[in-house]
Amino acid sequence: RVGFGLVIESIMTQLRLDENPVHALCAGSVLGILQYLINFELLVGFFPWLAELQGGATALAHIVFGIVAAVLYWRLKRPVAEP
């Protein structure tokens, strides 16, 4: 989860989605869905036991994690010092 949090931070910074909470919320939900798709559609071929965990509750947990990580990043980021 820490690695995915760093990925969220990197994507949000590069795309400037960390400028307001609405952008952070939307980016977090989209990235949470993306993580779910990677985990349970792509990796299930390599790890068949993951198929048991697929479902709405797991998808919702990924979306909530993405939202929380993105909004926390937006809230805790340090402002850029002006020269």
Protein backbone atom coordinates (compact mmCIF):
# COMPACT_ATOMS: atom_id res chain seq x y z
CA ARG A 1 0.00 0.00 0.00
CA VAL A 2 2.87 2.37 0.63
CA GLY A 3 4.08 1.85 -2.92
CA PHE A 4 0.66 2.65 -4.32
CA GLY A 5 0.53 5.77 -2.14
CA LEU A 6 3.81 6.89 -3.71
CA VAL A 7 2.40 6.20 -7.17
CA ILE A 8 -0.65 8.33 -6.34
CA GLU A 9 1.62 11.15 -5.16
CA SER A 10 3.74 10.97 -8.29
CA ILE A 11 0.78 10.97 -10.68
CA MET A 12 -1.00 13.75 -8.82
CA THR A 13 2.11 15.91 -8.82
CA GLN A 14 2.90 15.38 -12.50
CA LEU A 15 -0.69 16.06 -13.61
CA ARG A 16 -1.18 18.86 -11.06
CA LEU A 17 -4.17 17.11 -9.52
CA ASP A 18 -3.06 18.19 -6.06
CA GLU A 19 -4.17 21.80 -6.36
CA ASN A 20 -7.64 21.42 -4.85
CA PRO A 21 -9.55 18.76 -2.92
CA VAL A 22 -12.05 18.01 -5.69
CA HIS A 23 -9.28 17.10 -8.13
CA ALA A 24 -7.60 15.00 -5.42
CA LEU A 25 -10.86 13.20 -4.66
CA CYS A 26 -11.53 12.39 -8.32
CA ALA A 27 -7.94 11.34 -8.98
CA GLY A 28 -7.93 9.12 -5.91
CA SER A 29 -11.11 7.33 -6.93
CA VAL A 30 -9.88 6.76 -10.48
CA LEU A 31 -6.50 5.52 -9.26
CA GLY A 32 -8.24 3.24 -6.75
CA ILE A 33 -10.27 1.69 -9.57
CA LEU A 34 -7.09 1.34 -11.62
CA GLN A 35 -5.38 -0.44 -8.74
CA TYR A 36 -8.33 -2.82 -8.42
CA LEU A 37 -8.22 -3.60 -12.13
CA ILE A 38 -4.49 -4.25 -12.02
CA ASN A 39 -4.74 -6.41 -8.91
CA PHE A 40 -7.77 -8.47 -9.83
CA GLU A 41 -7.85 -8.54 -13.62
CA LEU A 42 -4.15 -8.60 -14.50
CA LEU A 43 -2.48 -10.33 -11.58
CA VAL A 44 -5.13 -13.03 -11.16
CA GLY A 45 -3.46 -14.85 -14.06
CA PHE A 46 -0.27 -15.16 -12.01
CA PHE A 47 -1.93 -15.59 -8.62
CA PRO A 48 -5.16 -17.59 -9.07
CA TRP A 49 -6.08 -17.39 -5.39
CA LEU A 50 -6.81 -13.66 -5.89
CA ALA A 51 -9.96 -14.60 -7.83
CA GLU A 52 -11.64 -15.47 -4.51
CA LEU A 53 -11.27 -11.86 -3.37
CA GLN A 54 -12.89 -10.22 -6.40
CA GLY A 55 -16.12 -8.38 -5.76
CA GLY A 56 -17.85 -5.16 -4.94
CA ALA A 57 -16.55 -4.89 -1.37
CA THR A 58 -12.95 -5.24 -2.50
CA ALA A 59 -13.47 -2.72 -5.31
CA LEU A 60 -15.01 -0.27 -2.84
CA ALA A 61 -12.08 -0.76 -0.47
CA HIS A 62 -9.64 0.09 -3.27
CA ILE A 63 -11.62 3.20 -4.21
CA VAL A 64 -11.76 4.36 -0.58
CA PHE A 65 -8.02 3.77 -0.20
CA GLY A 66 -7.30 5.80 -3.34
CA ILE A 67 -9.51 8.66 -2.16
CA VAL A 68 -8.03 8.72 1.34
CA ALA A 69 -4.44 8.57 0.04
CA ALA A 70 -5.04 11.34 -2.50
CA VAL A 71 -6.90 13.67 -0.14
CA LEU A 72 -4.30 13.14 2.59
CA TYR A 73 -1.55 13.93 0.11
CA TRP A 74 -3.38 17.10 -0.92
CA ARG A 75 -3.88 18.09 2.72
CA LEU A 76 -0.36 17.32 3.93
CA LYS A 77 1.70 18.53 0.98
CA ARG A 78 4.09 21.33 1.65
CA PRO A 79 3.46 24.59 -0.15
CA VAL A 80 6.06 25.66 -2.69
CA ALA A 81 8.16 28.52 -1.36
CA GLU A 82 8.12 31.53 -3.61
CA PRO A 83 11.51 33.10 -4.41
